[in-house]
């Protein structure tokens, strides 16, 4: 069993940067591939970024590619999402997720955090 808690969300202006964190409980954090998803107001949840168990590989949704960077510190049981050049369309609740496979599919994720809200104003 893994519990995930996101933090770092807030209200920023377009063009600003923000770093989200996802703290995992337990001692098996390094065994899981991790991912970030988000759900904007009135929209379905969508994939944002995925990172392998070692942190050596990552990939991103086209909408955030070049602006967002996922990383992980297994020693600290923490996943990060560095968000640069934020746009109003990035406004969403951001969710941290963990699964057995390096994936952008929601059904591959076994554990989910409760989310942290990011609001980007123009």
Protein backbone atom coordinates (compact mmCIF):
# COMPACT_ATOMS: atom_id res chain seq x y z
CA UNK A 1 0.00 0.00 0.00
CA UNK A 2 1.29 3.42 -1.00
CA UNK A 3 -0.10 6.79 0.03
CA UNK A 4 0.65 9.87 -2.04
CA UNK A 5 0.28 13.50 -0.99
CA UNK A 6 0.72 16.36 -3.45
CA UNK A 7 1.79 19.86 -2.47
CA UNK A 8 3.09 23.05 -4.03
CA UNK A 9 -0.02 24.19 -5.85
CA UNK A 10 -1.14 27.78 -5.73
CA UNK A 11 -2.14 30.85 -7.68
CA UNK A 12 0.35 32.31 -10.13
CA UNK A 13 0.39 34.56 -13.16
CA UNK A 14 0.95 33.44 -16.72
CA UNK A 15 4.65 33.01 -17.41
CA UNK A 16 5.48 32.14 -13.83
CA UNK A 17 7.02 28.91 -12.58
CA UNK A 18 5.88 26.49 -9.93
CA UNK A 19 7.18 23.20 -8.57
CA UNK A 20 4.83 20.52 -7.37
CA UNK A 21 5.88 17.78 -4.99
CA UNK A 22 4.41 14.38 -4.28
CA UNK A 23 5.44 12.73 -1.04
CA UNK A 24 5.02 8.97 -0.81
CA UNK A 25 4.66 6.95 2.33
CA UNK A 26 6.17 3.53 2.77
CA UNK A 27 9.50 2.06 1.83
CA UNK A 28 8.74 0.92 -1.71
CA UNK A 29 8.62 4.24 -3.53
CA UNK A 30 11.56 3.37 -5.76
CA UNK A 31 9.75 0.25 -6.99
CA UNK A 32 7.10 2.26 -8.82
CA UNK A 33 6.94 4.21 -12.00
CA UNK A 34 5.26 7.55 -11.40
CA UNK A 35 3.09 9.93 -13.35
CA UNK A 36 1.33 13.25 -13.16
CA UNK A 37 -2.21 13.81 -14.39
CA UNK A 38 -4.39 16.87 -14.24
CA UNK A 39 -8.04 17.80 -14.50
CA UNK A 40 -9.05 21.29 -15.54
CA UNK A 41 -12.42 22.86 -14.73
CA UNK A 42 -15.17 21.10 -16.65
CA UNK A 43 -12.68 18.78 -18.34
CA UNK A 44 -11.67 15.15 -18.13
CA UNK A 45 -8.50 14.07 -16.41
CA UNK A 46 -5.53 14.03 -18.77
CA UNK A 47 -1.98 12.76 -18.76
CA UNK A 48 0.78 15.26 -18.05
CA UNK A 49 4.07 13.44 -17.45
CA UNK A 50 5.49 10.02 -16.65
CA UNK A 51 8.82 8.99 -15.17
CA UNK A 52 10.45 5.59 -14.85
CA UNK A 53 11.24 3.94 -11.53
CA UNK A 54 14.87 5.00 -11.75
CA UNK A 55 14.12 8.49 -12.97
CA UNK A 56 16.24 7.85 -16.03
CA UNK A 57 13.40 8.22 -18.51
CA UNK A 58 10.47 10.59 -18.74
CA UNK A 59 7.95 11.69 -21.31
CA UNK A 60 5.31 14.38 -21.51
CA UNK A 61 2.03 15.37 -23.03
CA UNK A 62 2.42 17.59 -26.08
CA UNK A 63 0.66 20.41 -24.26
CA UNK A 64 3.42 20.65 -21.63
CA UNK A 65 6.46 19.41 -23.54
CA UNK A 66 9.38 21.79 -23.22
CA UNK A 67 7.83 23.58 -20.25
CA UNK A 68 7.38 20.88 -17.61
CA UNK A 69 10.00 18.54 -16.17
CA UNK A 70 9.32 15.52 -13.98
CA UNK A 71 11.96 14.21 -11.60
CA UNK A 72 12.16 12.00 -8.57
CA UNK A 73 14.30 11.62 -5.49
CA UNK A 74 13.89 8.06 -4.32
CA UNK A 75 15.95 8.67 -1.20
CA UNK A 76 13.36 11.26 -0.15
CA UNK A 77 10.38 9.29 -1.45
CA UNK A 78 9.38 12.34 -3.45
CA UNK A 79 8.24 13.03 -6.99
CA UNK A 80 8.45 16.51 -8.50
CA UNK A 81 6.95 18.41 -11.38
CA UNK A 82 8.75 21.60 -12.34
CA UNK A 83 6.37 23.79 -14.31
CA UNK A 84 7.76 26.73 -16.24
CA UNK A 85 6.14 29.28 -18.53
CA UNK A 86 2.74 28.51 -17.09
CA UNK A 87 -0.32 29.30 -19.15
CA UNK A 88 -3.95 29.85 -18.11
CA UNK A 89 -4.84 26.55 -19.76
CA UNK A 90 -2.56 24.82 -17.24
CA UNK A 91 -5.10 25.64 -14.55
CA UNK A 92 -6.15 22.32 -13.07
CA UNK A 93 -6.02 20.01 -10.13
CA UNK A 94 -2.78 18.07 -10.49
CA UNK A 95 -2.63 14.46 -9.35
CA UNK A 96 0.33 12.29 -8.55
CA UNK A 97 0.03 8.59 -9.38
CA UNK A 98 2.10 5.43 -9.03
CA UNK A 99 2.03 2.15 -10.89
CA UNK A 100 3.99 -0.93 -11.80
CA UNK A 101 4.72 0.24 -15.32
CA UNK A 102 6.12 3.31 -17.03
CA UNK A 103 2.88 4.45 -18.61
CA UNK A 104 0.58 7.31 -19.55
CA UNK A 105 -2.56 5.21 -19.10
CA UNK A 106 -4.76 5.91 -16.12
CA UNK A 107 -5.65 2.24 -15.67
CA UNK A 108 -1.98 1.38 -15.16
CA UNK A 109 -1.89 3.56 -12.06
CA UNK A 110 -2.48 1.74 -8.79
CA UNK A 111 -2.24 4.62 -6.35
CA UNK A 112 -3.41 8.22 -6.54
CA UNK A 113 -2.99 11.34 -4.48
CA UNK A 114 -5.89 13.65 -3.73
CA UNK A 115 -4.54 16.43 -5.90
CA UNK A 116 -3.24 19.97 -5.57
CA UNK A 117 -4.78 22.97 -7.30
CA UNK A 118 -2.80 25.14 -9.68
CA UNK A 119 -4.45 28.34 -10.86
CA UNK A 120 -2.79 30.40 -13.58
CA UNK A 121 -4.19 33.85 -14.28
CA UNK A 122 -3.56 35.91 -17.39
